[in-house]
């Protein structure tokens, strides 16, 4: 495991409220196969979206994006929005 990857994982575990969004059209798929495992180990909700281009646009960049983590800071409105999304994910998977 590279230092960069280890540092990312260490920072990733410090967020209390988080949601990971993964693009489903990444090639090769090995680039993102470890992400759901990390999410499940850290009890983080995750979901797939069909397009890396759409995910990049949603993240305010013109570049295709393989995954993003949504981790609101102290904004109550953002926290409520993430909680609502997480509850819909759990409801859809049940």
N, C-alpha and C. Protein backbone atom coordinates (compact mmCIF):
# COMPACT_ATOMS: atom_id res chain seq x y z
N UNK A 1 0.86 -1.18 0.00
CA UNK A 1 0.00 0.00 0.00
C UNK A 1 0.90 1.23 0.00
N UNK A 2 0.63 2.13 -0.89
CA UNK A 2 1.44 3.34 -0.99
C UNK A 2 1.13 4.29 0.16
N UNK A 3 2.05 5.19 0.44
CA UNK A 3 1.86 6.18 1.50
C UNK A 3 0.66 7.07 1.21
N UNK A 4 0.52 7.46 -0.05
CA UNK A 4 -0.61 8.31 -0.43
C UNK A 4 -1.93 7.62 -0.14
N UNK A 5 -2.01 6.35 -0.52
CA UNK A 5 -3.23 5.59 -0.30
C UNK A 5 -3.49 5.42 1.19
N UNK A 6 -2.44 5.12 1.96
CA UNK A 6 -2.59 4.95 3.40
C UNK A 6 -3.05 6.25 4.06
N UNK A 7 -2.47 7.37 3.67
CA UNK A 7 -2.86 8.67 4.24
C UNK A 7 -4.31 8.98 3.91
N UNK A 8 -4.73 8.66 2.69
CA UNK A 8 -6.12 8.88 2.30
C UNK A 8 -7.05 8.07 3.18
N UNK A 9 -6.73 6.79 3.38
CA UNK A 9 -7.57 5.92 4.19
C UNK A 9 -7.62 6.40 5.63
N UNK A 10 -6.50 6.85 6.17
CA UNK A 10 -6.46 7.35 7.54
C UNK A 10 -7.35 8.58 7.69
N UNK A 11 -7.30 9.50 6.74
CA UNK A 11 -8.14 10.70 6.80
C UNK A 11 -9.61 10.32 6.62
N UNK A 12 -9.87 9.38 5.75
CA UNK A 12 -11.21 8.95 5.40
C UNK A 12 -11.94 8.42 6.63
N UNK A 13 -11.26 7.79 7.54
CA UNK A 13 -11.90 7.19 8.72
C UNK A 13 -12.24 8.21 9.80
N UNK A 14 -11.75 9.44 9.70
CA UNK A 14 -12.01 10.43 10.73
C UNK A 14 -13.35 11.14 10.56
N UNK A 15 -13.96 11.05 9.40
CA UNK A 15 -15.23 11.74 9.19
C UNK A 15 -16.35 10.98 9.89
N UNK A 16 -17.23 11.71 10.58
CA UNK A 16 -18.32 11.06 11.30
C UNK A 16 -19.52 10.80 10.40
N UNK A 17 -19.81 11.70 9.52
CA UNK A 17 -20.96 11.59 8.64
C UNK A 17 -20.45 11.64 7.21
N UNK A 18 -20.61 10.56 6.48
CA UNK A 18 -20.02 10.52 5.15
C UNK A 18 -20.81 9.61 4.23
N UNK A 19 -20.61 9.85 2.97
CA UNK A 19 -21.26 9.10 1.91
C UNK A 19 -20.30 9.05 0.73
N UNK A 20 -20.10 7.87 0.18
CA UNK A 20 -19.20 7.72 -0.96
C UNK A 20 -20.04 7.42 -2.20
N UNK A 21 -19.73 8.12 -3.28
CA UNK A 21 -20.42 7.92 -4.56
C UNK A 21 -19.38 7.41 -5.55
N UNK A 22 -19.67 6.27 -6.19
CA UNK A 22 -18.72 5.60 -7.07
C UNK A 22 -19.32 5.53 -8.48
N UNK A 23 -18.52 5.88 -9.47
CA UNK A 23 -18.97 5.77 -10.86
C UNK A 23 -18.92 4.30 -11.29
N UNK A 24 -19.94 3.86 -11.99
CA UNK A 24 -20.03 2.46 -12.38
C UNK A 24 -19.36 2.13 -13.70
N UNK A 25 -18.93 3.13 -14.44
CA UNK A 25 -18.35 2.86 -15.76
C UNK A 25 -16.84 3.05 -15.80
N UNK A 26 -16.16 2.79 -14.71
CA UNK A 26 -14.70 2.92 -14.65
C UNK A 26 -14.05 1.71 -15.28
N UNK A 27 -13.04 1.96 -16.08
CA UNK A 27 -12.32 0.87 -16.73
C UNK A 27 -10.83 1.14 -16.60
N UNK A 28 -10.06 0.21 -16.11
CA UNK A 28 -10.43 -1.11 -15.61
C UNK A 28 -11.10 -1.00 -14.24
N UNK A 29 -11.96 -1.95 -13.95
CA UNK A 29 -12.75 -1.94 -12.72
C UNK A 29 -11.87 -2.08 -11.48
N UNK A 30 -10.66 -2.62 -11.66
CA UNK A 30 -9.75 -2.79 -10.52
C UNK A 30 -9.38 -1.47 -9.85
N UNK A 31 -9.57 -0.37 -10.55
CA UNK A 31 -9.26 0.94 -9.99
C UNK A 31 -10.13 1.24 -8.77
N UNK A 32 -11.36 0.75 -8.75
CA UNK A 32 -12.28 1.10 -7.67
C UNK A 32 -12.78 -0.09 -6.86
N UNK A 33 -12.34 -1.30 -7.15
CA UNK A 33 -12.91 -2.46 -6.45
C UNK A 33 -12.63 -2.47 -4.95
N UNK A 34 -11.59 -1.80 -4.50
CA UNK A 34 -11.29 -1.77 -3.07
C UNK A 34 -12.15 -0.78 -2.30
N UNK A 35 -12.77 0.15 -2.98
CA UNK A 35 -13.52 1.22 -2.30
C UNK A 35 -14.73 0.68 -1.53
N UNK A 36 -15.58 -0.17 -2.11
CA UNK A 36 -16.70 -0.70 -1.32
C UNK A 36 -16.24 -1.48 -0.08
N UNK A 37 -15.13 -2.18 -0.19
CA UNK A 37 -14.61 -2.92 0.95
C UNK A 37 -14.21 -1.96 2.07
N UNK A 38 -13.51 -0.88 1.71
CA UNK A 38 -13.13 0.13 2.71
C UNK A 38 -14.37 0.76 3.34
N UNK A 39 -15.37 1.03 2.52
CA UNK A 39 -16.61 1.63 3.04
C UNK A 39 -17.29 0.70 4.03
N UNK A 40 -17.38 -0.58 3.69
CA UNK A 40 -18.04 -1.52 4.59
C UNK A 40 -17.24 -1.70 5.88
N UNK A 41 -15.92 -1.72 5.79
CA UNK A 41 -15.10 -1.83 7.00
C UNK A 41 -15.29 -0.64 7.92
N UNK A 42 -15.48 0.55 7.36
CA UNK A 42 -15.63 1.77 8.16
C UNK A 42 -17.10 2.13 8.40
N UNK A 43 -18.02 1.26 8.00
CA UNK A 43 -19.46 1.50 8.16
C UNK A 43 -19.89 2.80 7.49
N UNK A 44 -19.47 2.96 6.25
CA UNK A 44 -19.79 4.14 5.45
C UNK A 44 -20.75 3.73 4.33
N UNK A 45 -21.81 4.50 4.15
CA UNK A 45 -22.74 4.22 3.05
C UNK A 45 -22.10 4.58 1.73
N UNK A 46 -22.39 3.79 0.70
CA UNK A 46 -21.88 4.10 -0.63
C UNK A 46 -22.93 3.73 -1.66
N UNK A 47 -22.82 4.35 -2.81
CA UNK A 47 -23.73 4.06 -3.90
C UNK A 47 -23.01 4.22 -5.23
N UNK A 48 -23.57 3.60 -6.24
CA UNK A 48 -23.01 3.70 -7.59
C UNK A 48 -23.90 4.60 -8.44
N UNK A 49 -23.26 5.35 -9.30
CA UNK A 49 -23.96 6.11 -10.33
C UNK A 49 -23.46 5.61 -11.68
N UNK A 50 -24.25 5.73 -12.73
CA UNK A 50 -23.86 5.14 -14.01
C UNK A 50 -22.64 5.74 -14.69
N UNK A 51 -22.41 7.04 -14.53
CA UNK A 51 -21.44 7.70 -15.39
C UNK A 51 -20.38 8.49 -14.63
N UNK A 52 -19.12 8.28 -14.99
CA UNK A 52 -18.02 9.06 -14.38
C UNK A 52 -18.06 10.51 -14.85
N UNK A 53 -18.58 10.75 -16.05
CA UNK A 53 -18.71 12.12 -16.54
C UNK A 53 -19.73 12.89 -15.71
N UNK A 54 -20.87 12.26 -15.43
CA UNK A 54 -21.90 12.92 -14.61
C UNK A 54 -21.42 13.15 -13.19
N UNK A 55 -20.66 12.20 -12.67
CA UNK A 55 -20.13 12.36 -11.32
C UNK A 55 -19.14 13.52 -11.27
N UNK A 56 -18.33 13.66 -12.29
CA UNK A 56 -17.40 14.79 -12.36
C UNK A 56 -18.13 16.12 -12.41
N UNK A 57 -19.19 16.19 -13.21
CA UNK A 57 -19.97 17.43 -13.29
C UNK A 57 -20.65 17.75 -11.96
N UNK A 58 -21.15 16.72 -11.28
CA UNK A 58 -21.78 16.94 -9.98
C UNK A 58 -20.76 17.41 -8.94
N UNK A 59 -19.51 17.05 -9.14
CA UNK A 59 -18.45 17.48 -8.23
C UNK A 59 -17.81 18.78 -8.65
N UNK A 60 -18.42 19.50 -9.56
CA UNK A 60 -17.97 20.81 -10.03
C UNK A 60 -16.62 20.75 -10.74
N UNK A 61 -16.41 19.70 -11.52
CA UNK A 61 -15.20 19.61 -12.34
C UNK A 61 -15.60 19.10 -13.72
N UNK A 62 -14.82 19.45 -14.71
CA UNK A 62 -15.11 19.00 -16.07
C UNK A 62 -14.48 17.64 -16.36
N UNK A 63 -13.68 17.15 -15.42
CA UNK A 63 -12.99 15.88 -15.63
C UNK A 63 -13.83 14.72 -15.15
N UNK A 64 -13.81 13.59 -15.85
CA UNK A 64 -14.49 12.39 -15.35
C UNK A 64 -13.90 11.99 -13.99
N UNK A 65 -14.76 11.53 -13.10
CA UNK A 65 -14.35 11.25 -11.73
C UNK A 65 -14.78 9.84 -11.34
N UNK A 66 -13.87 9.07 -10.75
CA UNK A 66 -14.19 7.69 -10.40
C UNK A 66 -15.00 7.60 -9.11
N UNK A 67 -14.67 8.41 -8.11
CA UNK A 67 -15.45 8.39 -6.87
C UNK A 67 -15.26 9.70 -6.11
N UNK A 68 -16.24 9.99 -5.28
CA UNK A 68 -16.16 11.16 -4.41
C UNK A 68 -16.67 10.75 -3.03
N UNK A 69 -16.23 11.47 -2.02
CA UNK A 69 -16.75 11.27 -0.68
C UNK A 69 -17.39 12.58 -0.24
N UNK A 70 -18.62 12.49 0.19
CA UNK A 70 -19.34 13.66 0.68
C UNK A 70 -19.24 13.61 2.21
N UNK A 71 -18.61 14.62 2.76
CA UNK A 71 -18.42 14.69 4.21
C UNK A 71 -18.66 16.12 4.67
N UNK A 72 -19.90 16.48 4.98
CA UNK A 72 -20.18 17.84 5.40
C UNK A 72 -19.51 18.16 6.72
N UNK A 73 -19.16 19.42 6.89
CA UNK A 73 -18.48 19.83 8.12
C UNK A 73 -19.52 20.22 9.16
N UNK A 74 -19.66 21.47 9.48
CA UNK A 74 -20.56 21.89 10.55
C UNK A 74 -21.87 22.47 10.05
N UNK A 75 -22.17 22.34 8.79
CA UNK A 75 -23.38 22.90 8.22
C UNK A 75 -24.54 21.93 8.46
N UNK A 76 -25.50 22.32 9.27
CA UNK A 76 -26.62 21.46 9.62
C UNK A 76 -27.46 21.08 8.40
N UNK A 77 -27.59 22.00 7.47
CA UNK A 77 -28.37 21.73 6.25
C UNK A 77 -27.70 20.63 5.42
N UNK A 78 -26.38 20.70 5.29
CA UNK A 78 -25.65 19.67 4.54
C UNK A 78 -25.74 18.33 5.25
N UNK A 79 -25.62 18.33 6.57
CA UNK A 79 -25.71 17.09 7.33
C UNK A 79 -27.08 16.45 7.15
N UNK A 80 -28.12 17.26 7.18
CA UNK A 80 -29.48 16.75 7.01
C UNK A 80 -29.66 16.15 5.61
N UNK A 81 -29.09 16.78 4.61
CA UNK A 81 -29.19 16.27 3.24
C UNK A 81 -28.48 14.93 3.10
N UNK A 82 -27.30 14.78 3.70
CA UNK A 82 -26.57 13.51 3.64
C UNK A 82 -27.33 12.43 4.40
N UNK A 83 -27.89 12.76 5.57
CA UNK A 83 -28.68 11.79 6.33
C UNK A 83 -29.89 11.32 5.53
N UNK A 84 -30.53 12.24 4.81
CA UNK A 84 -31.69 11.88 3.99
C UNK A 84 -31.29 10.92 2.87
N UNK A 85 -30.18 11.21 2.23
CA UNK A 85 -29.68 10.33 1.15
C UNK A 85 -29.34 8.95 1.72
N UNK A 86 -28.65 8.93 2.87
CA UNK A 86 -28.28 7.66 3.49
C UNK A 86 -29.51 6.84 3.86
N UNK A 87 -30.56 7.49 4.36
CA UNK A 87 -31.76 6.75 4.72
C UNK A 87 -32.46 6.19 3.48
N UNK A 88 -32.40 6.93 2.37
CA UNK A 88 -32.99 6.44 1.13
C UNK A 88 -32.19 5.24 0.59
N UNK A 89 -30.87 5.27 0.76
CA UNK A 89 -30.04 4.14 0.34
C UNK A 89 -30.40 2.90 1.13
N UNK A 90 -30.50 3.04 2.44
CA UNK A 90 -30.83 1.91 3.29
C UNK A 90 -32.23 1.41 2.96
N UNK A 91 -33.17 2.31 2.73
CA UNK A 91 -34.53 1.91 2.38
C UNK A 91 -34.60 1.19 1.04
N UNK A 92 -33.79 1.61 0.09
CA UNK A 92 -33.80 0.98 -1.24
C UNK A 92 -33.14 -0.38 -1.22
N UNK A 93 -32.17 -0.59 -0.33
CA UNK A 93 -31.46 -1.86 -0.29
C UNK A 93 -32.19 -2.90 0.55
N UNK A 94 -33.18 -2.49 1.33
CA UNK A 94 -33.91 -3.43 2.19
C UNK A 94 -34.93 -4.23 1.43
